[in-house]
Amino acid sequence: QVQLVESGGGLVQAGGSLRLSCAASGRTSGRTFSDYAMGWFRQAPGKEREFAAGISRSGGPTYYADSVKGRFTISRDNAKNTVYLQMNSLKPEDTAVYYCAAHLWGDGSSKSEAVYRYWGQGTQVTVSS
């Protein structure tokens, strides 16, 4: 079992920045954090959860939804078992609960929730206008 715990959410004004972190712990059958591609998803009030960003197991290739491209940056530190989401130039429409998720043997590009085996509990991000 892999546990994912997000942190770093909060209230910020439009144009501001936040950095989310997602720390992973636990192991399954000897697998390590670097065996999992990681993704950030978000769910705004009254809307379905959507893919925001993904990163490969090595931390090389990264993928973004069009709505966040150029403003958000996903990164990971495999030595610390942590994935990050740097969010700049935040807009009110970025208001959502943000979740990190782990995809075993993935490449980080998948936008489908179904392939992500483990999920965090979410962290609230609120952007005021």
Foldseek 3Di string as FASTA:
>chain_A
DKAKAKDWADEEAAQAKIKMKIAIDDDDPPDALLQWKKFKWWDDPPGDIWTAKIAASVQPDIDGDPVQPPFWDWGDDRVRRMIMIIGGRDDQVVWTWMKMFIAGNDGTHDTDPVRTDDMYPTDTHGYHD
